[in-house]
């Protein structure tokens, strides 16, 4: 699982940012102590006593008392026995979205990225494992419905315009090229469409750009798995979304950018949880093939997205330039598409 967006940037950045140009759109209080009251002095009344006489009574000797100390008993020490580890109990326990200590152990059993976050990728791997093993899926959390956004309305406005609905209420949404962007993203090769399940396609300026110190949110094309906002908060309504800007949508690079971002979604949602007979995810195996000397230091996820673009015929890509897809890369992609899609 990953909790950072997949975006790309010119200049070999580790992020997936598409920077657009005019000609091509590739882009804690301690309370003070209470005052101590001064001791109260009580004056005793003074009296003058009259002289008295008294006869001292005879003294008697008290009979000495004896006591028997009861015997002491020693408490039996308590012992604890550590419960044996039960994988089935871990797999069928009740989980919730977000971070928890229990998720670490679950992710180890599932052999996915261990970060303690129960998100879309951990859920997919969890469901798949339970179904294969014939175990109950009752502990898997349901997909939460999108939150209802109620726009603020100015009571002094002379005329109430149409209220924005869902995506149109999101910061950064423009929608000027929404139809074209949707067409480009859904028009990728059909084998990749399983990566778009649940993905929201947005035309606009990505609201998470400022959190990642990107200078211009309107020059960023991105697959955002976690729904980042400028204040650094994830989990916003646009989690699991692809954002493509107006400049890209209006330029000649739209088809490539759409394919690159869909490749990220396919990698995160399909390849990361699809395993070969030896139990290794196809994403892990493909990452290993991205380790080419000329691309040292480049995020393998970015290189993989470009290799997928090259596999489907794009001669030039942002991270790999005009480098050809190797035979080993092509063979493994063909195997992965057949096994996972």
Protein backbone atom coordinates (compact mmCIF):
# COMPACT_ATOMS: atom_id res chain seq x y z
CA UNK A 1 0.00 0.00 0.00
CA UNK A 2 1.07 3.44 -0.58
CA UNK A 3 -0.16 6.62 0.83
CA UNK A 4 1.36 9.07 -1.57
CA UNK A 5 -0.02 10.15 -4.90
CA UNK A 6 1.31 8.88 -8.16
CA UNK A 7 2.34 11.86 -10.17
CA UNK A 8 5.19 12.73 -12.43
CA UNK A 9 7.42 15.72 -12.99
CA UNK A 10 9.91 16.86 -15.56
CA UNK A 11 13.57 16.80 -14.44
CA UNK A 12 13.46 13.31 -12.86
CA UNK A 13 11.52 14.18 -9.69
CA UNK A 14 10.52 11.26 -7.47
CA UNK A 15 6.94 12.44 -7.70
CA UNK A 16 4.54 11.96 -10.56
CA UNK A 17 4.06 15.45 -11.84
CA UNK A 18 3.33 16.46 -15.36
CA UNK A 19 4.60 20.01 -15.80
CA UNK A 20 2.97 21.53 -18.78
CA UNK A 21 4.53 23.72 -21.42
CA UNK A 22 3.00 25.80 -24.15
CA UNK A 23 3.79 23.29 -26.82
CA UNK A 24 3.22 19.97 -25.01
CA UNK A 25 1.18 19.07 -21.95
CA UNK A 26 3.25 16.17 -20.60
CA UNK A 27 3.60 16.62 -18.11
CA UNK A 28 -0.97 20.97 26.64
CA UNK A 29 -1.84 23.58 32.40
CA UNK A 30 -0.28 23.23 35.84
CA UNK A 31 -2.60 24.72 38.46
CA UNK A 32 -0.87 26.87 41.06
CA UNK A 33 -0.77 25.12 44.45
CA UNK A 34 -3.65 25.98 46.71
CA UNK A 35 -2.63 28.40 49.49
CA UNK A 36 -1.86 26.67 52.78
CA UNK A 37 -4.12 28.07 55.49
CA UNK A 38 -2.33 29.46 58.51
CA UNK A 39 -2.79 27.30 61.60
CA UNK A 40 -5.76 28.46 63.62
CA UNK A 41 -4.76 29.52 67.13
CA UNK A 42 -7.44 28.87 69.75
CA UNK A 43 -7.03 30.92 72.90
CA UNK A 44 -7.87 28.93 75.99
CA UNK A 45 -9.72 30.86 78.73
CA UNK A 46 -7.62 31.48 81.79
CA UNK A 47 -9.01 30.66 85.27
CA UNK A 48 -7.62 30.75 88.77
CA UNK A 49 -8.13 27.39 90.39
CA UNK A 50 -9.06 27.14 94.04
CA UNK A 51 -6.66 25.01 96.05
CA UNK A 52 -7.86 21.50 96.21
CA UNK A 53 -7.04 18.54 98.36
CA UNK A 54 -7.19 15.05 97.19
CA UNK A 55 -6.56 11.58 98.46
CA UNK A 56 -4.55 9.40 96.17
CA UNK A 57 -6.40 6.12 95.68
CA UNK A 58 -4.48 2.91 96.20
CA UNK A 59 -2.84 1.60 93.10
CA UNK A 60 -3.60 -1.74 91.60
CA UNK A 61 -1.52 -3.89 89.34
CA UNK A 62 -3.17 -4.70 86.06
CA UNK A 63 -3.24 -8.30 84.95
CA UNK A 64 -0.92 -8.62 81.97
CA UNK A 65 -2.61 -9.40 78.71
CA UNK A 66 -1.39 -11.94 76.24
CA UNK A 67 -2.01 -12.05 72.54
CA UNK A 68 -1.45 -14.70 69.92
CA UNK A 69 -0.15 -13.58 66.54
CA UNK A 70 -2.16 -15.28 63.84
CA UNK A 71 -0.11 -17.38 61.45
CA UNK A 72 0.83 -15.70 58.20
CA UNK A 73 0.00 -17.16 54.82
CA UNK A 74 1.97 -16.82 51.62
CA UNK A 75 -0.01 -15.91 48.51
CA UNK A 76 0.38 -18.25 45.58
CA UNK A 77 2.21 -16.39 42.79
CA UNK A 78 0.21 -15.83 39.63
CA UNK A 79 1.49 -16.96 36.29
CA UNK A 80 0.52 -15.89 32.80
CA UNK A 81 0.56 -17.95 29.68
CA UNK A 82 0.97 -16.25 26.31
CA UNK A 83 -1.75 -17.24 23.91
CA UNK A 84 -0.49 -19.02 20.79
CA UNK A 85 -0.58 -17.04 17.55
CA UNK A 86 -3.68 -17.81 15.48
CA UNK A 87 -3.44 -16.66 11.84
CA UNK A 88 -7.12 -17.39 11.21
CA UNK A 89 -8.11 -15.12 14.09
CA UNK A 90 -5.98 -12.34 12.63
CA UNK A 91 -7.44 -12.78 9.17
CA UNK A 92 -11.07 -12.90 10.32
CA UNK A 93 -10.89 -10.13 12.94
CA UNK A 94 -12.87 -6.96 12.44
CA UNK A 95 -10.90 -4.18 10.76
CA UNK A 96 -11.59 -0.51 10.09
CA UNK A 97 -10.31 2.00 7.61
CA UNK A 98 -7.19 3.94 8.56
CA UNK A 99 -4.23 3.21 10.81
CA UNK A 100 -4.22 0.59 13.58
CA UNK A 101 -1.70 -1.69 15.29
CA UNK A 102 -3.71 -4.76 14.28
CA UNK A 103 -3.24 -3.99 10.60
CA UNK A 104 0.55 -4.44 10.82
CA UNK A 105 0.18 -8.17 11.58
CA UNK A 106 -2.53 -8.59 8.96
CA UNK A 107 -0.33 -7.03 6.27
CA UNK A 108 2.53 -9.35 7.21
CA UNK A 109 0.24 -12.35 6.70
CA UNK A 110 -0.99 -10.96 3.37
CA UNK A 111 2.59 -10.22 2.23
CA UNK A 112 1.75 -6.68 1.20
CA UNK A 113 3.41 -3.41 2.15
CA UNK A 114 3.49 -3.22 5.97
CA UNK A 115 2.64 0.32 7.10
CA UNK A 116 -0.33 -0.19 9.47
CA UNK A 117 -2.76 1.56 7.13
CA UNK A 118 -5.88 -0.35 6.14
CA UNK A 119 -6.66 1.20 2.79
CA UNK A 120 -7.98 0.15 -0.61
CA UNK A 121 -4.99 -2.05 -1.49
CA UNK A 122 -4.88 -3.89 1.85
CA UNK A 123 -8.65 -4.42 1.63
CA UNK A 124 -8.38 -5.90 -1.87
CA UNK A 125 -5.61 -8.30 -0.81
CA UNK A 126 -7.52 -9.18 2.39
CA UNK A 127 -10.70 -10.04 0.50
CA UNK A 128 -8.85 -12.07 -2.11
CA UNK A 129 -7.03 -14.11 0.57
CA UNK A 130 -10.20 -14.78 2.59
CA UNK A 131 -12.10 -15.90 -0.50
CA UNK A 132 -9.32 -18.23 -1.62
CA UNK A 133 -9.08 -19.78 1.85
CA UNK A 134 -12.86 -20.00 2.26
CA UNK A 135 -12.86 -17.80 5.35
CA UNK A 136 -15.53 -15.32 6.46
CA UNK A 137 -15.26 -11.82 5.03
CA UNK A 138 -17.50 -10.28 7.72
CA UNK A 139 -14.54 -8.47 9.30
CA UNK A 140 -13.63 -6.62 6.11
CA UNK A 141 -14.84 -3.01 6.35
CA UNK A 142 -17.31 -1.89 3.68
CA UNK A 143 -16.33 0.77 1.20
CA UNK A 144 -17.46 4.04 2.80
CA UNK A 145 -19.91 6.19 0.84
CA UNK A 146 -18.58 9.52 -0.33
CA UNK A 147 -19.26 12.34 2.13
CA UNK A 148 -22.06 14.74 1.38
CA UNK A 149 -20.71 18.18 0.70
CA UNK A 150 -23.11 20.98 1.56
CA UNK A 151 -22.05 24.20 -0.12
CA UNK A 152 -22.28 27.46 1.77
CA UNK A 153 -24.97 29.80 0.53
CA UNK A 154 -24.81 33.56 0.93
CA UNK A 155 -28.19 34.58 2.40
CA UNK A 156 -27.76 38.08 0.96
CA UNK A 157 -27.22 36.87 -2.56
CA UNK A 158 -29.88 38.36 -4.84
CA UNK A 159 -30.15 35.21 -6.89
CA UNK A 160 -29.35 31.63 -5.96
CA UNK A 161 -27.37 29.91 -8.66
CA UNK A 162 -27.40 26.17 -9.21
CA UNK A 163 -25.73 24.40 -6.30
CA UNK A 164 -22.60 22.46 -7.14
CA UNK A 165 -22.90 18.70 -7.01
CA UNK A 166 -20.26 16.20 -5.86
CA UNK A 167 -17.12 16.60 -7.99
CA UNK A 168 -18.09 20.11 -9.00
CA UNK A 169 -17.74 21.18 -5.34
CA UNK A 170 -14.14 20.01 -5.06
CA UNK A 171 -11.35 22.61 -4.84
CA UNK A 172 -9.54 22.86 -8.15
CA UNK A 173 -12.27 21.36 -10.28
CA UNK A 174 -12.80 23.19 -13.55
CA UNK A 175 -14.67 20.78 -15.79
CA UNK A 176 -13.94 22.78 -18.94
CA UNK A 177 -12.63 19.66 -20.67
CA UNK A 178 -14.33 17.04 -18.48
CA UNK A 179 -15.84 15.11 -21.38
CA UNK A 180 -12.56 15.00 -23.30
CA UNK A 181 -10.61 13.90 -20.23
CA UNK A 182 -13.10 11.14 -19.43
CA UNK A 183 -12.97 9.93 -23.02
CA UNK A 184 -9.16 9.83 -23.03
CA UNK A 185 -8.88 8.01 -19.71
CA UNK A 186 -11.55 5.42 -20.49
CA UNK A 187 -10.22 5.00 -24.02
CA UNK A 188 -7.01 3.27 -22.94
CA UNK A 189 -6.43 -0.38 -23.94
CA UNK A 190 -9.16 -2.53 -22.43
CA UNK A 191 -6.71 -4.71 -20.50
CA UNK A 192 -6.02 -1.70 -18.25
CA UNK A 193 -9.65 -0.89 -17.47
CA UNK A 194 -9.70 -3.11 -14.37
CA UNK A 195 -7.34 -0.54 -12.85
CA UNK A 196 -10.04 2.12 -13.16
CA UNK A 197 -12.56 0.42 -10.86
CA UNK A 198 -13.64 3.10 -8.38
CA UNK A 199 -11.35 5.73 -9.91
CA UNK A 200 -12.79 9.25 -10.26
CA UNK A 201 -11.75 11.14 -13.37
CA UNK A 202 -11.36 14.90 -12.85
CA UNK A 203 -10.55 17.80 -15.15
CA UNK A 204 -8.93 20.53 -13.04
CA UNK A 205 -6.06 21.65 -10.81
CA UNK A 206 -5.03 19.01 -8.27
CA UNK A 207 -5.66 20.35 -4.69
CA UNK A 208 -2.77 18.37 -3.16
CA UNK A 209 0.00 20.09 -5.14
CA UNK A 210 0.93 22.68 -2.49
CA UNK A 211 1.49 20.00 0.15
CA UNK A 212 4.16 18.48 -2.07
CA UNK A 213 5.79 21.88 -2.74
CA UNK A 214 4.73 21.96 -6.34
CA UNK A 215 4.59 25.55 -7.56
CA UNK A 216 1.53 25.32 -9.76
CA UNK A 217 -1.36 22.98 -9.11
CA UNK A 218 -2.67 23.69 -12.59
CA UNK A 219 0.40 22.12 -14.20
CA UNK A 220 0.11 18.78 -12.41
CA UNK A 221 -1.45 15.66 -13.85
CA UNK A 222 -1.70 12.95 -11.22
CA UNK A 223 -3.17 9.68 -10.01
CA UNK A 224 -4.00 10.44 -6.35
CA UNK A 225 -4.55 7.22 -4.41
CA UNK A 226 -5.16 8.86 -1.00
CA UNK A 227 -6.97 12.13 -1.74
CA UNK A 228 -4.38 14.69 -0.61
CA UNK A 229 -5.26 18.34 0.16
CA UNK A 230 -3.03 21.42 0.37
CA UNK A 231 -3.03 21.30 4.20
CA UNK A 232 -1.45 17.83 4.12
CA UNK A 233 -4.59 15.90 4.99
CA UNK A 234 -5.36 12.66 3.09
CA UNK A 235 -8.69 10.89 2.86
CA UNK A 236 -10.59 13.64 1.08
CA UNK A 237 -13.49 12.89 -1.29
CA UNK A 238 -11.17 12.78 -4.30
CA UNK A 239 -9.20 9.76 -2.99
CA UNK A 240 -8.49 7.32 -5.82
CA UNK A 241 -8.74 9.86 -8.62
CA UNK A 242 -7.00 10.93 -11.80
CA UNK A 243 -6.58 14.70 -12.35
CA UNK A 244 -5.77 16.14 -15.75
CA UNK A 245 -5.40 19.89 -16.25
CA UNK A 246 -6.96 22.13 -18.88
CA UNK A 247 -3.62 22.69 -20.59
CA UNK A 248 -3.02 18.98 -21.00
CA UNK A 249 -6.58 18.33 -22.11
CA UNK A 250 -6.28 20.98 -24.83
CA UNK A 251 -2.88 19.81 -26.07
CA UNK A 252 -1.47 16.95 -28.11
CA UNK A 253 -0.19 15.01 -25.07
CA UNK A 254 -3.59 14.11 -23.66
CA UNK A 255 -3.58 10.49 -24.87
CA UNK A 256 -0.12 9.79 -23.44
CA UNK A 257 -0.84 11.52 -20.11
CA UNK A 258 -4.13 9.65 -19.73
CA UNK A 259 -2.40 6.32 -20.43
CA UNK A 260 0.45 7.11 -18.01
CA UNK A 261 -1.94 7.95 -15.15
CA UNK A 262 -4.16 4.92 -15.85
CA UNK A 263 -0.98 2.80 -15.74
CA UNK A 264 -0.36 4.11 -12.21
CA UNK A 265 -3.89 3.17 -11.17
CA UNK A 266 -3.48 -0.30 -12.72
CA UNK A 267 -0.14 -0.78 -10.95
CA UNK A 268 -1.54 0.26 -7.56
CA UNK A 269 -4.93 -1.43 -7.76
CA UNK A 270 -4.16 -4.57 -9.75
CA UNK A 271 -0.48 -5.46 -10.10
CA UNK A 272 0.29 -4.75 -6.43
CA UNK A 273 -2.22 -7.39 -5.27
CA UNK A 274 -1.85 -9.91 -8.10
CA UNK A 275 0.65 -12.71 -7.44
CA UNK A 276 2.52 -15.21 -9.55
CA UNK A 277 2.58 -18.94 -8.60
CA UNK A 278 5.61 -18.32 -6.38
CA UNK A 279 3.70 -15.71 -4.34
CA UNK A 280 5.46 -12.59 -5.65
CA UNK A 281 3.36 -9.67 -6.82
CA UNK A 282 3.70 -8.74 -10.45
CA UNK A 283 4.32 -5.14 -9.42
CA UNK A 284 7.40 -6.24 -7.44
CA UNK A 285 8.71 -8.27 -10.37
CA UNK A 286 8.16 -5.44 -12.83
CA UNK A 287 9.85 -2.92 -10.51
CA UNK A 288 12.95 -5.14 -10.60
CA UNK A 289 13.04 -4.82 -14.40
CA UNK A 290 13.02 -1.01 -14.11
CA UNK A 291 16.50 -1.07 -12.58
CA UNK A 292 18.32 0.12 -15.69
CA UNK A 293 21.60 2.10 -15.36
CA UNK A 294 20.47 5.03 -17.52
CA UNK A 295 17.45 5.59 -15.26
CA UNK A 296 19.23 5.20 -11.89
CA UNK A 297 17.54 7.22 -9.15
CA UNK A 298 14.20 7.42 -10.91
CA UNK A 299 11.12 6.19 -9.10
CA UNK A 300 10.41 2.67 -10.46
CA UNK A 301 6.67 3.35 -10.38
CA UNK A 302 7.16 6.23 -12.84
CA UNK A 303 9.33 4.08 -15.07
CA UNK A 304 6.76 1.28 -14.99
CA UNK A 305 3.98 3.65 -16.05
CA UNK A 306 6.11 4.75 -19.00
CA UNK A 307 7.03 1.17 -19.91
CA UNK A 308 3.32 0.36 -20.03
CA UNK A 309 2.80 3.38 -22.28
CA UNK A 310 5.63 2.19 -24.52
CA UNK A 311 4.24 -1.34 -24.55
CA UNK A 312 1.08 0.05 -26.09
CA UNK A 313 2.90 1.96 -28.79
CA UNK A 314 3.86 5.39 -27.49
CA UNK A 315 7.31 6.04 -29.00
CA UNK A 316 8.26 8.83 -26.57
CA UNK A 317 7.60 8.98 -22.83
CA UNK A 318 8.42 11.54 -20.14
CA UNK A 319 10.71 9.46 -17.93
CA UNK A 320 12.26 7.09 -20.45
CA UNK A 321 12.44 9.34 -23.46
CA UNK A 322 12.53 7.25 -26.59
CA UNK A 323 14.03 4.17 -24.86
CA UNK A 324 12.57 0.96 -26.18
CA UNK A 325 10.71 -1.52 -24.01
CA UNK A 326 13.02 -4.47 -23.43
CA UNK A 327 12.05 -8.00 -24.37
CA UNK A 328 12.05 -9.05 -20.69
CA UNK A 329 9.77 -6.14 -19.80
CA UNK A 330 7.43 -6.93 -22.65
CA UNK A 331 7.26 -10.66 -21.82
CA UNK A 332 6.53 -10.03 -18.13
CA UNK A 333 3.88 -7.41 -18.91
CA UNK A 334 2.15 -9.86 -21.25
CA UNK A 335 2.19 -12.49 -18.50
CA UNK A 336 0.88 -10.00 -15.91
CA UNK A 337 -1.95 -8.81 -18.14
CA UNK A 338 -3.03 -12.41 -18.74
CA UNK A 339 -2.86 -13.35 -15.05
CA UNK A 340 -4.31 -10.21 -13.46
CA UNK A 341 -6.81 -8.57 -15.78
